[in-house]
Amino acid sequence: MEKKKTAGASTWVDPDDAPELTDEFFRRADIYEGDKLVRRGRPRSLSRKEPVSVRLDTDVIAHFRRGGRGWQSRINAALRKVAKLPAAKRKKA
């Protein structure tokens, strides 16, 4: 069986010529729940964050970074506590 040549489409016709399904293929594949495409990435938060530039002492940053991932969120929580603001609401998964 001869292969078809089409621009932007797969060029295989015979199932035996199908490309190998690698880990990379599955990492990049779209995920569906029923007919609905599941969005990739972090879920949208109920409280929107605004990027800002703040100059902090290096030892303050080092303190929060030592705690590992989420250090910026911990700084945000500490600022909310000092400002006596209620805890931020989180979207339930």
C-alpha atoms as a PDB file:
ATOM      1  CA  MET A   1       0.000   0.000   0.000  1.00  0.00           C
ATOM      2  CA  GLU A   2       1.405   3.399  -0.987  1.00  0.00           C
ATOM      3  CA  LYS A   3       1.660   6.261   1.514  1.00  0.00           C
ATOM      4  CA  LYS A   4      -0.346   9.435   0.938  1.00  0.00           C
ATOM      5  CA  LYS A   5       1.477  12.759   1.103  1.00  0.00           C
ATOM      6  CA  THR A   6      -0.550  15.628   2.562  1.00  0.00           C
ATOM      7  CA  ALA A   7       0.673  18.909   4.031  1.00  0.00           C
ATOM      8  CA  GLY A   8       0.430  19.125   7.807  1.00  0.00           C
ATOM      9  CA  ALA A   9      -1.125  15.686   8.192  1.00  0.00           C
ATOM     10  CA  SER A  10       0.309  12.323   9.038  1.00  0.00           C
ATOM     11  CA  THR A  11       1.727  10.505   6.006  1.00  0.00           C
ATOM     12  CA  TRP A  12       1.056   6.908   7.074  1.00  0.00           C
ATOM     13  CA  VAL A  13      -1.806   4.837   5.751  1.00  0.00           C
ATOM     14  CA  ASP A  14      -1.066   1.289   6.901  1.00  0.00           C
ATOM     15  CA  PRO A  15      -1.587   0.843  10.693  1.00  0.00           C
ATOM     16  CA  ASP A  16       1.706  -1.060  10.779  1.00  0.00           C
ATOM     17  CA  ASP A  17       3.414   2.221   9.749  1.00  0.00           C
ATOM     18  CA  ALA A  18       1.851   4.220  12.601  1.00  0.00           C
ATOM     19  CA  PRO A  19       4.303   6.315  14.647  1.00  0.00           C
ATOM     20  CA  GLU A  20       5.508   4.878  17.940  1.00  0.00           C
ATOM     21  CA  LEU A  21       3.512   6.067  20.958  1.00  0.00           C
ATOM     22  CA  THR A  22       6.258   7.396  23.220  1.00  0.00           C
ATOM     23  CA  ASP A  23       6.105   8.913  26.697  1.00  0.00           C
ATOM     24  CA  GLU A  24       6.482  12.340  25.032  1.00  0.00           C
ATOM     25  CA  PHE A  25       3.397  11.644  22.885  1.00  0.00           C
ATOM     26  CA  PHE A  26       1.299  10.922  25.986  1.00  0.00           C
ATOM     27  CA  ARG A  27       2.734  13.916  27.910  1.00  0.00           C
ATOM     28  CA  ARG A  28       1.611  16.238  25.122  1.00  0.00           C
ATOM     29  CA  ALA A  29      -1.751  14.535  24.392  1.00  0.00           C
ATOM     30  CA  ASP A  30      -5.035  16.330  25.033  1.00  0.00           C
ATOM     31  CA  ILE A  31      -7.080  14.998  27.940  1.00  0.00           C
ATOM     32  CA  TYR A  32     -10.863  14.731  27.695  1.00  0.00           C
ATOM     33  CA  GLU A  33     -13.559  14.053  30.280  1.00  0.00           C
ATOM     34  CA  GLY A  34     -16.388  12.875  28.059  1.00  0.00           C
ATOM     35  CA  ASP A  35     -16.520  15.400  25.217  1.00  0.00           C
ATOM     36  CA  LYS A  36     -14.992  18.228  27.273  1.00  0.00           C
ATOM     37  CA  LEU A  37     -11.311  19.146  26.837  1.00  0.00           C
ATOM     38  CA  VAL A  38      -9.617  19.405  30.231  1.00  0.00           C
ATOM     39  CA  ARG A  39      -7.515  22.561  30.588  1.00  0.00           C
ATOM     40  CA  ARG A  40      -3.877  22.022  31.406  1.00  0.00           C
ATOM     41  CA  GLY A  41      -1.929  23.855  34.053  1.00  0.00           C
ATOM     42  CA  ARG A  42      -2.881  25.376  37.354  1.00  0.00           C
ATOM     43  CA  PRO A  43      -6.617  25.682  38.026  1.00  0.00           C
ATOM     44  CA  ARG A  44      -7.990  29.214  38.116  1.00  0.00           C
ATOM     45  CA  SER A  45      -8.037  30.730  41.572  1.00  0.00           C
ATOM     46  CA  LEU A  46     -11.011  32.481  43.144  1.00  0.00           C
ATOM     47  CA  SER A  47      -8.705  35.293  44.235  1.00  0.00           C
ATOM     48  CA  ARG A  48      -6.675  36.697  41.385  1.00  0.00           C
ATOM     49  CA  LYS A  49      -2.989  37.424  41.974  1.00  0.00           C
ATOM     50  CA  GLU A  50      -1.294  40.544  40.693  1.00  0.00           C
ATOM     51  CA  PRO A  51       2.383  40.432  39.763  1.00  0.00           C
ATOM     52  CA  VAL A  52       4.414  43.113  41.553  1.00  0.00           C
ATOM     53  CA  SER A  53       8.049  43.911  42.073  1.00  0.00           C
ATOM     54  CA  VAL A  54       9.047  44.210  45.731  1.00  0.00           C
ATOM     55  CA  ARG A  55      12.523  44.616  47.145  1.00  0.00           C
ATOM     56  CA  LEU A  56      13.020  42.371  50.169  1.00  0.00           C
ATOM     57  CA  ASP A  57      16.055  41.666  52.306  1.00  0.00           C
ATOM     58  CA  THR A  58      18.019  38.633  51.115  1.00  0.00           C
ATOM     59  CA  ASP A  59      17.723  36.888  54.491  1.00  0.00           C
ATOM     60  CA  VAL A  60      13.908  37.240  54.386  1.00  0.00           C
ATOM     61  CA  ILE A  61      13.780  35.640  50.938  1.00  0.00           C
ATOM     62  CA  ALA A  62      16.230  32.918  52.021  1.00  0.00           C
ATOM     63  CA  HIS A  63      14.053  32.131  55.051  1.00  0.00           C
ATOM     64  CA  PHE A  64      10.953  31.523  52.921  1.00  0.00           C
ATOM     65  CA  ARG A  65      12.839  29.704  50.131  1.00  0.00           C
ATOM     66  CA  ARG A  66      14.267  27.244  52.663  1.00  0.00           C
ATOM     67  CA  GLY A  67      10.708  25.991  53.116  1.00  0.00           C
ATOM     68  CA  GLY A  68      10.704  24.761  49.509  1.00  0.00           C
ATOM     69  CA  ARG A  69       8.029  25.158  46.875  1.00  0.00           C
ATOM     70  CA  GLY A  70       5.272  27.650  47.627  1.00  0.00           C
ATOM     71  CA  TRP A  71       7.573  30.203  49.252  1.00  0.00           C
ATOM     72  CA  GLN A  72       5.857  33.110  47.492  1.00  0.00           C
ATOM     73  CA  SER A  73       2.462  31.928  48.743  1.00  0.00           C
ATOM     74  CA  ARG A  74       3.874  31.737  52.274  1.00  0.00           C
ATOM     75  CA  ILE A  75       5.109  35.335  51.981  1.00  0.00           C
ATOM     76  CA  ASN A  76       1.610  36.313  50.810  1.00  0.00           C
ATOM     77  CA  ALA A  77       0.034  34.493  53.788  1.00  0.00           C
ATOM     78  CA  ALA A  78       2.459  36.192  56.213  1.00  0.00           C
ATOM     79  CA  LEU A  79       1.600  39.616  54.767  1.00  0.00           C
ATOM     80  CA  ARG A  80      -2.131  38.864  55.029  1.00  0.00           C
ATOM     81  CA  LYS A  81      -1.658  37.891  58.685  1.00  0.00           C
ATOM     82  CA  VAL A  82       0.283  41.077  59.539  1.00  0.00           C
ATOM     83  CA  ALA A  83      -2.290  43.210  57.686  1.00  0.00           C
ATOM     84  CA  LYS A  84      -5.062  41.375  59.609  1.00  0.00           C
ATOM     85  CA  LEU A  85      -6.783  40.301  56.385  1.00  0.00           C
ATOM     86  CA  PRO A  86      -8.864  37.129  56.212  1.00  0.00           C
ATOM     87  CA  ALA A  87      -7.227  34.027  54.763  1.00  0.00           C
ATOM     88  CA  ALA A  88      -7.454  33.873  50.972  1.00  0.00           C
ATOM     89  CA  LYS A  89     -10.247  31.698  49.559  1.00  0.00           C
ATOM     90  CA  ARG A  90      -9.132  28.763  47.454  1.00  0.00           C
ATOM     91  CA  LYS A  91     -10.937  27.108  44.591  1.00  0.00           C
ATOM     92  CA  LYS A  92     -11.880  23.518  45.392  1.00  0.00           C
ATOM     93  CA  ALA A  93     -10.569  20.931  42.950  1.00  0.00           C
END
